[in-house]
């Protein structure tokens, strides 16, 4: 093979490699673009379909409900006389404070309104849709009590409060769509039902 022929072969090979590489890169780029758009579209679709109005209602209702439970539990540290009541109050704080964070995060991710801090006292009377929420008079009375009187009032009010939360969580389990919210609702039903039984026992009454 002559030098000229070898040069032509090399040039042809180089050209073929360049063209092939360009085609491969173009194909990969197109595939990547397509995959990216598809993934983003699928993610958006999944996000839109992952929750429903009940999930929003649950989160927006449970946040102020939990906030009030924390307000009640915080009073126990200085006013309760029973170590059992103080322990229960501490457990309520440990459980419900992180749950408020979860519920808030979901609402923000969904682009829904997060109840303002003051909403925890915007609850009216016992007969309201926000089941188990204490009115201002009941909360004021609890804040003024101490010793055994506080223990009894706290347990009595918290039983009602927990029963309201269990009802709300039960509705979420039945009608919600967002899996993490339904799982949290299941935890609330299980955990707070057990605490209701515990509080009724401390009150000396049947569950």
N, C-alpha and C. Protein backbone atom coordinates (compact mmCIF):
# COMPACT_ATOMS: atom_id res chain seq x y z
N UNK A 1 0.86 -1.19 0.00
CA UNK A 1 0.00 0.00 0.00
C UNK A 1 0.90 1.23 0.00
N UNK A 2 0.58 2.17 -0.89
CA UNK A 2 1.40 3.37 -1.01
C UNK A 2 1.10 4.31 0.12
N UNK A 3 2.00 5.28 0.27
CA UNK A 3 1.84 6.29 1.32
C UNK A 3 0.56 7.09 1.10
N UNK A 4 0.26 7.38 -0.17
CA UNK A 4 -0.95 8.17 -0.48
C UNK A 4 -2.20 7.40 -0.11
N UNK A 5 -2.17 6.10 -0.42
CA UNK A 5 -3.33 5.26 -0.10
C UNK A 5 -3.55 5.18 1.40
N UNK A 6 -2.42 4.99 2.12
CA UNK A 6 -2.54 4.91 3.59
C UNK A 6 -3.11 6.20 4.16
N UNK A 7 -2.71 7.31 3.61
CA UNK A 7 -3.21 8.62 4.09
C UNK A 7 -4.70 8.73 3.86
N UNK A 8 -5.14 8.29 2.68
CA UNK A 8 -6.58 8.35 2.36
C UNK A 8 -7.39 7.47 3.31
N UNK A 9 -6.85 6.28 3.61
CA UNK A 9 -7.55 5.35 4.51
C UNK A 9 -7.69 5.96 5.89
N UNK A 10 -6.57 6.57 6.37
CA UNK A 10 -6.61 7.18 7.69
C UNK A 10 -7.65 8.31 7.75
N UNK A 11 -7.67 9.14 6.70
CA UNK A 11 -8.62 10.24 6.66
C UNK A 11 -10.07 9.73 6.66
N UNK A 12 -10.29 8.70 5.88
CA UNK A 12 -11.65 8.13 5.80
C UNK A 12 -12.07 7.56 7.15
N UNK A 13 -11.14 6.88 7.81
CA UNK A 13 -11.44 6.28 9.12
C UNK A 13 -11.73 7.36 10.14
N UNK A 14 -10.91 8.42 10.13
CA UNK A 14 -11.09 9.52 11.08
C UNK A 14 -12.44 10.18 10.87
N UNK A 15 -12.78 10.38 9.59
CA UNK A 15 -14.07 11.00 9.28
C UNK A 15 -15.22 10.14 9.76
N UNK A 16 -15.10 8.85 9.58
CA UNK A 16 -16.16 7.92 10.00
C UNK A 16 -16.32 7.94 11.52
N UNK A 17 -15.18 7.96 12.23
CA UNK A 17 -15.23 8.00 13.69
C UNK A 17 -15.89 9.28 14.17
N UNK A 18 -15.52 10.40 13.54
CA UNK A 18 -16.09 11.71 13.94
C UNK A 18 -17.60 11.73 13.73
N UNK A 19 -18.04 11.27 12.56
CA UNK A 19 -19.48 11.25 12.25
C UNK A 19 -20.23 10.35 13.21
N UNK A 20 -19.64 9.15 13.45
CA UNK A 20 -20.29 8.20 14.35
C UNK A 20 -20.42 8.77 15.76
N UNK A 21 -19.35 9.42 16.23
CA UNK A 21 -19.37 10.01 17.57
C UNK A 21 -20.42 11.10 17.66
N UNK A 22 -20.51 11.91 16.61
CA UNK A 22 -21.50 12.99 16.61
C UNK A 22 -22.91 12.45 16.67
N UNK A 23 -23.14 11.38 15.88
CA UNK A 23 -24.47 10.78 15.87
C UNK A 23 -24.82 10.19 17.24
N UNK A 24 -23.85 9.52 17.85
CA UNK A 24 -24.08 8.92 19.16
C UNK A 24 -24.41 9.98 20.20
N UNK A 25 -23.62 11.06 20.20
CA UNK A 25 -23.84 12.15 21.15
C UNK A 25 -25.20 12.80 20.95
N UNK A 26 -25.56 13.00 19.71
CA UNK A 26 -26.87 13.60 19.41
C UNK A 26 -28.00 12.71 19.89
N UNK A 27 -27.84 11.42 19.66
CA UNK A 27 -28.88 10.48 20.08
C UNK A 27 -28.99 10.45 21.59
N UNK A 28 -27.83 10.46 22.27
CA UNK A 28 -27.85 10.44 23.74
C UNK A 28 -28.48 11.70 24.29
N UNK A 29 -28.13 12.83 23.62
CA UNK A 29 -28.71 14.09 24.08
C UNK A 29 -30.21 14.10 23.92
N UNK A 30 -30.68 13.61 22.79
CA UNK A 30 -32.12 13.57 22.56
C UNK A 30 -32.81 12.66 23.55
N UNK A 31 -32.16 11.51 23.82
CA UNK A 31 -32.74 10.57 24.76
C UNK A 31 -32.80 11.17 26.15
N UNK A 32 -31.70 11.87 26.50
CA UNK A 32 -31.65 12.48 27.83
C UNK A 32 -32.73 13.53 27.98
N UNK A 33 -32.88 14.36 26.90
CA UNK A 33 -33.93 15.38 26.95
C UNK A 33 -35.29 14.76 27.08
N UNK A 34 -35.50 13.71 26.34
CA UNK A 34 -36.80 13.05 26.38
C UNK A 34 -37.06 12.46 27.73
N UNK A 35 -36.03 11.78 28.31
CA UNK A 35 -36.17 11.17 29.61
C UNK A 35 -36.42 12.21 30.68
N UNK A 36 -35.69 13.33 30.56
CA UNK A 36 -35.84 14.38 31.55
C UNK A 36 -37.25 14.94 31.55
N UNK A 37 -37.76 15.24 30.34
CA UNK A 37 -39.11 15.78 30.23
C UNK A 37 -40.12 14.77 30.74
N UNK A 38 -39.91 13.51 30.41
CA UNK A 38 -40.84 12.47 30.84
C UNK A 38 -40.84 12.31 32.33
N UNK A 39 -39.63 12.32 32.92
CA UNK A 39 -39.53 12.17 34.37
C UNK A 39 -40.18 13.33 35.08
N UNK A 40 -39.92 14.55 34.56
CA UNK A 40 -40.50 15.74 35.19
C UNK A 40 -42.02 15.70 35.07
N UNK A 41 -42.47 15.29 33.87
CA UNK A 41 -43.93 15.22 33.68
C UNK A 41 -44.56 14.18 34.58
N UNK A 42 -43.89 13.02 34.69
CA UNK A 42 -44.42 11.96 35.54
C UNK A 42 -44.43 12.39 37.00
N UNK A 43 -43.34 13.10 37.39
CA UNK A 43 -43.25 13.58 38.77
C UNK A 43 -44.36 14.57 39.06
N UNK A 44 -44.60 15.47 38.12
CA UNK A 44 -45.65 16.46 38.32
C UNK A 44 -47.02 15.80 38.39
N UNK A 45 -47.22 14.82 37.51
CA UNK A 45 -48.50 14.11 37.51
C UNK A 45 -48.70 13.34 38.81
N UNK A 46 -47.63 12.66 39.24
CA UNK A 46 -47.72 11.89 40.48
C UNK A 46 -47.98 12.81 41.66
N UNK A 47 -47.33 13.99 41.65
CA UNK A 47 -47.52 14.94 42.74
C UNK A 47 -48.95 15.44 42.79
N UNK A 48 -49.51 15.72 41.62
CA UNK A 48 -50.87 16.24 41.57
C UNK A 48 -51.88 15.17 41.97
N UNK A 49 -51.55 13.91 41.69
CA UNK A 49 -52.50 12.84 41.97
C UNK A 49 -52.27 12.18 43.32
N UNK A 50 -51.23 12.61 44.05
CA UNK A 50 -50.86 11.91 45.27
C UNK A 50 -51.67 12.32 46.49
N UNK A 51 -52.38 13.44 46.42
CA UNK A 51 -53.18 13.87 47.57
C UNK A 51 -54.53 14.40 47.08
N UNK A 52 -55.48 14.49 48.02
CA UNK A 52 -56.79 15.01 47.66
C UNK A 52 -57.24 16.04 48.69
N UNK A 53 -58.46 16.52 48.55
CA UNK A 53 -58.98 17.57 49.43
C UNK A 53 -59.02 17.11 50.88
N UNK A 54 -59.30 15.83 51.11
CA UNK A 54 -59.34 15.30 52.47
C UNK A 54 -57.97 15.38 53.13
N UNK A 55 -56.91 15.11 52.37
CA UNK A 55 -55.57 15.20 52.92
C UNK A 55 -55.27 16.63 53.38
N UNK A 56 -55.70 17.60 52.60
CA UNK A 56 -55.50 19.00 52.94
C UNK A 56 -56.29 19.35 54.19
N UNK A 57 -57.55 18.92 54.23
CA UNK A 57 -58.40 19.18 55.40
C UNK A 57 -57.79 18.58 56.66
N UNK A 58 -57.29 17.37 56.53
CA UNK A 58 -56.67 16.67 57.66
C UNK A 58 -55.47 17.45 58.18
N UNK A 59 -54.58 17.85 57.29
CA UNK A 59 -53.37 18.57 57.70
C UNK A 59 -53.70 19.93 58.30
N UNK A 60 -54.60 20.66 57.63
CA UNK A 60 -54.94 22.00 58.11
C UNK A 60 -55.71 21.95 59.43
N UNK A 61 -56.44 20.88 59.68
CA UNK A 61 -57.16 20.74 60.94
C UNK A 61 -56.30 20.20 62.06
N UNK A 62 -55.42 19.25 61.73
CA UNK A 62 -54.63 18.60 62.77
C UNK A 62 -53.54 19.51 63.32
N UNK A 63 -53.06 20.46 62.52
CA UNK A 63 -52.01 21.36 63.02
C UNK A 63 -52.50 22.17 64.22
N UNK A 64 -53.61 22.93 64.11
CA UNK A 64 -54.07 23.66 65.30
C UNK A 64 -54.52 22.73 66.42
N UNK A 65 -55.02 21.56 66.06
CA UNK A 65 -55.45 20.59 67.06
C UNK A 65 -54.25 20.14 67.89
N UNK A 66 -53.16 19.81 67.22
CA UNK A 66 -51.92 19.41 67.91
C UNK A 66 -51.35 20.58 68.72
N UNK A 67 -51.41 21.78 68.14
CA UNK A 67 -50.86 22.93 68.85
C UNK A 67 -51.55 23.12 70.20
N UNK A 68 -52.85 22.94 70.22
CA UNK A 68 -53.55 23.11 71.49
C UNK A 68 -53.17 22.01 72.47
N UNK A 69 -53.00 20.79 71.98
CA UNK A 69 -52.56 19.70 72.85
C UNK A 69 -51.20 20.03 73.47
N UNK A 70 -50.31 20.66 72.70
CA UNK A 70 -49.02 21.05 73.22
C UNK A 70 -49.16 22.14 74.28
N UNK A 71 -50.08 23.09 74.04
CA UNK A 71 -50.33 24.14 75.03
C UNK A 71 -50.78 23.52 76.35
N UNK A 72 -51.67 22.54 76.25
CA UNK A 72 -52.16 21.86 77.45
C UNK A 72 -51.05 21.08 78.13
N UNK A 73 -50.25 20.39 77.33
CA UNK A 73 -49.17 19.57 77.88
C UNK A 73 -48.11 20.42 78.56
N UNK A 74 -47.82 21.59 78.02
CA UNK A 74 -46.80 22.46 78.61
C UNK A 74 -47.21 22.93 80.00
N UNK A 75 -48.52 23.06 80.25
CA UNK A 75 -48.99 23.50 81.56
C UNK A 75 -48.69 22.46 82.64
N UNK A 76 -48.64 21.19 82.24
CA UNK A 76 -48.49 20.12 83.21
C UNK A 76 -47.16 20.16 83.95
N UNK A 77 -46.14 20.67 83.33
CA UNK A 77 -44.81 20.67 83.96
C UNK A 77 -44.81 21.41 85.30
N UNK A 78 -45.54 22.52 85.37
CA UNK A 78 -45.55 23.33 86.59
C UNK A 78 -46.79 23.12 87.47
N UNK A 79 -47.86 22.58 86.88
CA UNK A 79 -49.12 22.56 87.61
C UNK A 79 -49.56 21.16 88.05
N UNK A 80 -49.13 20.13 87.36
CA UNK A 80 -49.56 18.77 87.70
C UNK A 80 -48.89 18.30 88.99
N UNK A 81 -49.63 17.50 89.74
CA UNK A 81 -49.06 16.92 90.97
C UNK A 81 -48.66 15.47 90.75
N UNK A 82 -49.27 14.82 89.77
CA UNK A 82 -49.02 13.41 89.52
C UNK A 82 -47.86 13.24 88.54
N UNK A 83 -46.92 12.38 88.90
CA UNK A 83 -45.81 12.09 87.98
C UNK A 83 -46.32 11.40 86.73
N UNK A 84 -47.41 10.65 86.85
CA UNK A 84 -47.99 9.97 85.69
C UNK A 84 -48.55 10.97 84.69
N UNK A 85 -49.19 12.02 85.22
CA UNK A 85 -49.72 13.06 84.34
C UNK A 85 -48.58 13.82 83.66
N UNK A 86 -47.53 14.12 84.43
CA UNK A 86 -46.38 14.82 83.85
C UNK A 86 -45.71 13.97 82.77
N UNK A 87 -45.60 12.69 83.01
CA UNK A 87 -45.00 11.79 82.03
C UNK A 87 -45.84 11.72 80.76
N UNK A 88 -47.16 11.62 80.95
CA UNK A 88 -48.06 11.58 79.80
C UNK A 88 -47.94 12.87 78.98
N UNK A 89 -47.92 14.02 79.67
CA UNK A 89 -47.81 15.30 78.98
C UNK A 89 -46.51 15.38 78.18
N UNK A 90 -45.43 14.88 78.77
CA UNK A 90 -44.13 14.90 78.07
C UNK A 90 -44.17 14.02 76.83
N UNK A 91 -44.83 12.88 76.91
CA UNK A 91 -44.95 11.98 75.76
C UNK A 91 -45.79 12.61 74.66
N UNK A 92 -46.83 13.33 75.06
CA UNK A 92 -47.68 14.02 74.08
C UNK A 92 -46.86 15.06 73.32
N UNK A 93 -46.02 15.80 74.04
CA UNK A 93 -45.17 16.79 73.39
C UNK A 93 -44.19 16.14 72.42
N UNK A 94 -43.56 15.06 72.86
CA UNK A 94 -42.57 14.38 72.00
C UNK A 94 -43.21 13.81 70.73
N UNK A 95 -44.43 13.38 70.83
CA UNK A 95 -45.11 12.77 69.68
C UNK A 95 -45.68 13.82 68.73
N UNK A 96 -46.32 14.83 69.28
CA UNK A 96 -47.10 15.73 68.43
C UNK A 96 -46.32 16.89 67.84
N UNK A 97 -45.26 17.32 68.50
CA UNK A 97 -44.48 18.42 67.94
C UNK A 97 -43.86 18.05 66.59
N UNK A 98 -43.22 16.88 66.46
CA UNK A 98 -42.69 16.49 65.14
C UNK A 98 -43.80 16.29 64.10
N UNK A 99 -44.97 15.84 64.54
CA UNK A 99 -46.06 15.64 63.60
C UNK A 99 -46.53 16.97 63.01
N UNK A 100 -46.49 18.03 63.80
CA UNK A 100 -46.84 19.35 63.28
C UNK A 100 -45.87 19.72 62.15
N UNK A 101 -44.59 19.39 62.35
CA UNK A 101 -43.60 19.65 61.31
C UNK A 101 -43.90 18.90 60.02
N UNK A 102 -44.29 17.65 60.14
CA UNK A 102 -44.64 16.85 58.95
C UNK A 102 -45.84 17.46 58.22
N UNK A 103 -46.88 17.75 58.97
CA UNK A 103 -48.10 18.29 58.38
C UNK A 103 -47.84 19.63 57.69
N UNK A 104 -47.02 20.45 58.33
CA UNK A 104 -46.67 21.75 57.75
C UNK A 104 -45.90 21.57 56.46
N UNK A 105 -44.95 20.64 56.46
CA UNK A 105 -44.15 20.38 55.26
C UNK A 105 -45.01 19.92 54.09
N UNK A 106 -45.98 19.06 54.37
CA UNK A 106 -46.86 18.58 53.30
C UNK A 106 -47.67 19.73 52.70
N UNK A 107 -48.24 20.56 53.54
CA UNK A 107 -49.05 21.67 53.04
C UNK A 107 -48.22 22.61 52.18
N UNK A 108 -47.00 22.89 52.61
CA UNK A 108 -46.13 23.76 51.82
C UNK A 108 -45.79 23.13 50.48
N UNK A 109 -45.52 21.82 50.49
CA UNK A 109 -45.20 21.12 49.24
C UNK A 109 -46.38 21.11 48.28
N UNK A 110 -47.58 21.08 48.83
CA UNK A 110 -48.80 21.08 48.01
C UNK A 110 -49.22 22.48 47.59
N UNK A 111 -48.58 23.50 48.14
CA UNK A 111 -48.98 24.87 47.82
C UNK A 111 -50.26 25.28 48.53
N UNK A 112 -50.54 24.64 49.66
CA UNK A 112 -51.75 24.94 50.43
C UNK A 112 -51.40 25.80 51.64
N UNK A 113 -52.43 26.49 52.17
CA UNK A 113 -52.21 27.37 53.32
C UNK A 113 -51.89 26.58 54.58
N UNK A 114 -50.92 27.10 55.34
CA UNK A 114 -50.58 26.53 56.64
C UNK A 114 -51.26 27.39 57.71
N UNK A 115 -52.03 26.79 58.61
CA UNK A 115 -52.70 27.57 59.65
C UNK A 115 -51.71 28.42 60.44
N UNK A 116 -52.07 29.66 60.71
CA UNK A 116 -51.20 30.53 61.47
C UNK A 116 -51.16 30.08 62.93
N UNK A 117 -50.15 30.53 63.64
CA UNK A 117 -49.97 30.13 65.03
C UNK A 117 -51.19 30.45 65.87
N UNK A 118 -51.78 31.61 65.68
CA UNK A 118 -52.94 32.01 66.47
C UNK A 118 -54.17 31.16 66.23
N UNK A 119 -54.14 30.36 65.16
CA UNK A 119 -55.31 29.54 64.84
C UNK A 119 -55.58 28.48 65.89
N UNK A 120 -54.58 28.19 66.72
CA UNK A 120 -54.75 27.15 67.74
C UNK A 120 -55.81 27.53 68.76
N UNK A 121 -56.12 28.83 68.89
CA UNK A 121 -57.14 29.25 69.83
C UNK A 121 -58.43 29.67 69.13
N UNK A 122 -58.47 29.54 67.82
CA UNK A 122 -59.65 29.93 67.06
C UNK A 122 -60.51 28.70 66.82
N UNK A 123 -61.16 28.23 67.89
CA UNK A 123 -61.80 26.94 67.80
C UNK A 123 -63.21 26.88 68.35
N UNK A 124 -63.72 27.94 68.93
CA UNK A 124 -65.11 27.93 69.38
C UNK A 124 -65.38 26.96 70.50
N UNK A 125 -66.51 26.27 70.41
CA UNK A 125 -66.94 25.41 71.52
C UNK A 125 -66.78 23.94 71.18
N UNK A 126 -67.16 23.09 72.14
CA UNK A 126 -66.99 21.64 71.97
C UNK A 126 -67.78 21.09 70.80
N UNK A 127 -68.82 21.78 70.40
CA UNK A 127 -69.66 21.25 69.34
C UNK A 127 -69.19 21.57 67.94
N UNK A 128 -68.05 22.25 67.82
CA UNK A 128 -67.55 22.64 66.52
C UNK A 128 -67.06 21.44 65.72
N UNK A 129 -66.86 21.70 64.40
CA UNK A 129 -66.37 20.65 63.51
C UNK A 129 -64.98 20.19 63.93
N UNK A 130 -64.21 21.11 64.54
CA UNK A 130 -62.87 20.74 65.01
C UNK A 130 -63.04 19.96 66.30
N UNK A 131 -63.27 18.67 66.16
CA UNK A 131 -63.64 17.81 67.28
C UNK A 131 -62.62 17.82 68.40
N UNK A 132 -63.12 18.00 69.62
CA UNK A 132 -62.28 17.90 70.80
C UNK A 132 -61.53 19.14 71.19
N UNK A 133 -61.59 20.20 70.38
CA UNK A 133 -60.87 21.43 70.72
C UNK A 133 -61.52 22.11 71.92
N UNK A 134 -60.70 22.62 72.83
CA UNK A 134 -61.20 23.33 74.00
C UNK A 134 -61.49 24.78 73.65
N UNK A 135 -62.55 25.33 74.26
CA UNK A 135 -62.79 26.75 74.06
C UNK A 135 -61.92 27.55 75.03
N UNK A 136 -61.92 28.86 74.88
CA UNK A 136 -61.03 29.69 75.67
C UNK A 136 -61.32 29.60 77.15
N UNK A 137 -62.60 29.45 77.50
CA UNK A 137 -62.97 29.36 78.92
C UNK A 137 -62.36 28.11 79.55
N UNK A 138 -62.42 26.99 78.84
CA UNK A 138 -61.86 25.74 79.37
C UNK A 138 -60.35 25.82 79.49
N UNK A 139 -59.71 26.42 78.49
CA UNK A 139 -58.26 26.56 78.54
C UNK A 139 -57.85 27.50 79.67
N UNK A 140 -58.62 28.57 79.88
CA UNK A 140 -58.32 29.51 80.94
C UNK A 140 -58.46 28.85 82.31
N UNK A 141 -59.51 28.04 82.44
CA UNK A 141 -59.73 27.33 83.70
C UNK A 141 -58.59 26.34 83.98
N UNK A 142 -58.14 25.66 82.94
CA UNK A 142 -57.04 24.71 83.10
C UNK A 142 -55.76 25.43 83.51
N UNK A 143 -55.50 26.58 82.91
CA UNK A 143 -54.27 27.32 83.20
C UNK A 143 -54.23 27.84 84.63
N UNK A 144 -55.40 27.99 85.25
CA UNK A 144 -55.46 28.51 86.62
C UNK A 144 -55.45 27.39 87.66
N UNK A 145 -55.65 26.15 87.23
CA UNK A 145 -55.70 25.03 88.17
C UNK A 145 -54.29 24.56 88.51
N UNK A 146 -54.19 23.82 89.62
CA UNK A 146 -52.91 23.25 90.02
C UNK A 146 -53.16 22.03 90.89
N UNK A 147 -52.12 21.24 91.09
CA UNK A 147 -52.25 20.07 91.95
C UNK A 147 -53.22 19.04 91.40
N UNK A 148 -53.92 18.39 92.29
CA UNK A 148 -54.86 17.33 91.89
C UNK A 148 -55.99 17.87 91.02
N UNK A 149 -56.41 19.12 91.27
CA UNK A 149 -57.46 19.72 90.46
C UNK A 149 -57.00 19.85 89.00
N UNK A 150 -55.75 20.21 88.84
CA UNK A 150 -55.19 20.29 87.48
C UNK A 150 -55.15 18.91 86.85
N UNK A 151 -54.68 17.92 87.60
CA UNK A 151 -54.58 16.56 87.06
C UNK A 151 -55.91 16.09 86.50
N UNK A 152 -56.97 16.29 87.29
CA UNK A 152 -58.30 15.83 86.88
C UNK A 152 -58.78 16.59 85.66
N UNK A 153 -58.61 17.92 85.70
CA UNK A 153 -59.06 18.74 84.57
C UNK A 153 -58.27 18.41 83.31
N UNK A 154 -56.96 18.26 83.45
CA UNK A 154 -56.11 17.95 82.31
C UNK A 154 -56.51 16.63 81.67
N UNK A 155 -56.65 15.60 82.48
CA UNK A 155 -56.99 14.28 81.95
C UNK A 155 -58.37 14.28 81.30
N UNK A 156 -59.33 14.94 81.94
CA UNK A 156 -60.70 14.98 81.40
C UNK A 156 -60.73 15.70 80.05
N UNK A 157 -60.06 16.85 79.98
CA UNK A 157 -60.05 17.63 78.74
C UNK A 157 -59.23 16.93 77.66
N UNK A 158 -58.14 16.29 78.06
CA UNK A 158 -57.28 15.64 77.06
C UNK A 158 -57.94 14.38 76.49
N UNK A 159 -58.76 13.72 77.27
CA UNK A 159 -59.51 12.58 76.73
C UNK A 159 -60.41 13.06 75.60
N UNK A 160 -61.14 14.15 75.85
CA UNK A 160 -62.01 14.71 74.80
C UNK A 160 -61.18 15.14 73.59
N UNK A 161 -60.05 15.76 73.87
CA UNK A 161 -59.19 16.25 72.80
C UNK A 161 -58.66 15.10 71.95
N UNK A 162 -58.20 14.05 72.60
CA UNK A 162 -57.70 12.88 71.89
C UNK A 162 -58.81 12.20 71.08
N UNK A 163 -59.99 12.10 71.66
CA UNK A 163 -61.10 11.48 70.94
C UNK A 163 -61.41 12.25 69.66
N UNK A 164 -61.31 13.57 69.74
CA UNK A 164 -61.50 14.37 68.53
C UNK A 164 -60.45 14.09 67.49
N UNK A 165 -59.19 13.97 67.93
CA UNK A 165 -58.10 13.69 67.00
C UNK A 165 -58.27 12.31 66.36
N UNK A 166 -58.71 11.34 67.15
CA UNK A 166 -58.92 9.99 66.62
C UNK A 166 -60.02 10.01 65.56
N UNK A 167 -61.06 10.78 65.80
CA UNK A 167 -62.13 10.89 64.80
C UNK A 167 -61.61 11.50 63.50
N UNK A 168 -60.83 12.57 63.63
CA UNK A 168 -60.27 13.24 62.45
C UNK A 168 -59.33 12.30 61.69
N UNK A 169 -58.52 11.57 62.44
CA UNK A 169 -57.58 10.64 61.82
C UNK A 169 -58.31 9.48 61.16
N UNK A 170 -59.40 9.04 61.76
CA UNK A 170 -60.19 7.96 61.17
C UNK A 170 -60.76 8.36 59.82
N UNK A 171 -61.20 9.60 59.72
CA UNK A 171 -61.72 10.11 58.44
C UNK A 171 -60.62 10.14 57.39
N UNK A 172 -59.42 10.55 57.82
CA UNK A 172 -58.29 10.59 56.90
C UNK A 172 -57.93 9.19 56.41
N UNK A 173 -57.95 8.22 57.29
CA UNK A 173 -57.64 6.84 56.88
C UNK A 173 -58.65 6.34 55.85
N UNK A 174 -59.91 6.73 56.00
CA UNK A 174 -60.96 6.23 55.11
C UNK A 174 -61.02 6.99 53.78
N UNK A 175 -60.75 8.31 53.83
CA UNK A 175 -61.02 9.13 52.64
C UNK A 175 -59.79 9.81 52.06
N UNK A 176 -58.67 9.78 52.76
CA UNK A 176 -57.47 10.43 52.25
C UNK A 176 -56.82 9.64 51.13
N UNK A 177 -55.90 10.28 50.43
CA UNK A 177 -55.19 9.61 49.32
C UNK A 177 -53.69 9.59 49.54
N UNK A 178 -53.15 10.59 50.21
CA UNK A 178 -51.70 10.70 50.37
C UNK A 178 -51.21 9.68 51.38
N UNK A 179 -50.40 8.74 50.91
CA UNK A 179 -49.99 7.60 51.74
C UNK A 179 -49.33 8.01 53.06
N UNK A 180 -48.38 8.96 53.06
CA UNK A 180 -47.77 9.34 54.34
C UNK A 180 -48.78 9.92 55.33
N UNK A 181 -49.76 10.67 54.82
CA UNK A 181 -50.79 11.25 55.70
C UNK A 181 -51.68 10.15 56.27
N UNK A 182 -52.00 9.18 55.46
CA UNK A 182 -52.83 8.06 55.93
C UNK A 182 -52.06 7.24 56.97
N UNK A 183 -50.75 7.12 56.76
CA UNK A 183 -49.92 6.39 57.72
C UNK A 183 -49.85 7.15 59.04
N UNK A 184 -49.71 8.48 58.97
CA UNK A 184 -49.70 9.28 60.19
C UNK A 184 -51.04 9.18 60.90
N UNK A 185 -52.11 9.20 60.13
CA UNK A 185 -53.45 9.07 60.72
C UNK A 185 -53.59 7.74 61.46
N UNK A 186 -53.03 6.70 60.89
CA UNK A 186 -53.07 5.39 61.53
C UNK A 186 -52.30 5.41 62.86
N UNK A 187 -51.15 6.10 62.84
CA UNK A 187 -50.36 6.22 64.07
C UNK A 187 -51.12 6.99 65.14
N UNK A 188 -51.83 8.04 64.71
CA UNK A 188 -52.59 8.85 65.66
C UNK A 188 -53.71 8.03 66.29
N UNK A 189 -54.42 7.27 65.46
CA UNK A 189 -55.51 6.44 65.98
C UNK A 189 -54.96 5.44 67.00
N UNK A 190 -53.87 4.78 66.65
CA UNK A 190 -53.29 3.77 67.53
C UNK A 190 -52.74 4.39 68.82
N UNK A 191 -51.90 5.40 68.66
CA UNK A 191 -51.25 6.01 69.81
C UNK A 191 -52.20 6.73 70.75
N UNK A 192 -53.08 7.53 70.19
CA UNK A 192 -53.96 8.32 71.05
C UNK A 192 -55.09 7.47 71.64
N UNK A 193 -55.48 6.42 70.97
CA UNK A 193 -56.47 5.51 71.56
C UNK A 193 -55.89 4.85 72.81
N UNK A 194 -54.60 4.48 72.74
CA UNK A 194 -53.93 3.88 73.89
C UNK A 194 -53.83 4.89 75.03
N UNK A 195 -53.56 6.16 74.70
CA UNK A 195 -53.46 7.19 75.72
C UNK A 195 -54.83 7.51 76.33
N UNK A 196 -55.88 7.41 75.54
CA UNK A 196 -57.23 7.61 76.07
C UNK A 196 -57.52 6.56 77.14
N UNK A 197 -57.18 5.31 76.84
CA UNK A 197 -57.38 4.23 77.81
C UNK A 197 -56.56 4.47 79.07
N UNK A 198 -55.34 4.95 78.89
CA UNK A 198 -54.46 5.25 80.03
C UNK A 198 -55.04 6.37 80.89
N UNK A 199 -55.54 7.42 80.24
CA UNK A 199 -56.09 8.56 80.99
C UNK A 199 -57.38 8.19 81.71
N UNK A 200 -58.21 7.40 81.05
CA UNK A 200 -59.44 6.95 81.72
C UNK A 200 -59.13 6.10 82.94
N UNK A 201 -58.06 5.32 82.85
CA UNK A 201 -57.65 4.51 83.99
C UNK A 201 -57.19 5.41 85.15
N UNK A 202 -56.44 6.46 84.81
CA UNK A 202 -55.98 7.40 85.83
C UNK A 202 -57.16 8.14 86.46
N UNK A 203 -58.19 8.35 85.68
CA UNK A 203 -59.38 9.03 86.19
C UNK A 203 -60.28 8.07 86.97
N UNK A 204 -59.96 6.76 86.90
CA UNK A 204 -60.75 5.78 87.60
C UNK A 204 -62.08 5.48 86.95
N UNK A 205 -62.09 5.59 85.61
CA UNK A 205 -63.34 5.28 84.91
C UNK A 205 -63.06 4.33 83.76
N UNK A 206 -64.11 3.71 83.27
CA UNK A 206 -63.97 2.77 82.17
C UNK A 206 -63.65 3.51 80.89
N UNK A 207 -62.91 2.84 80.02
CA UNK A 207 -62.57 3.44 78.73
C UNK A 207 -63.78 3.48 77.82
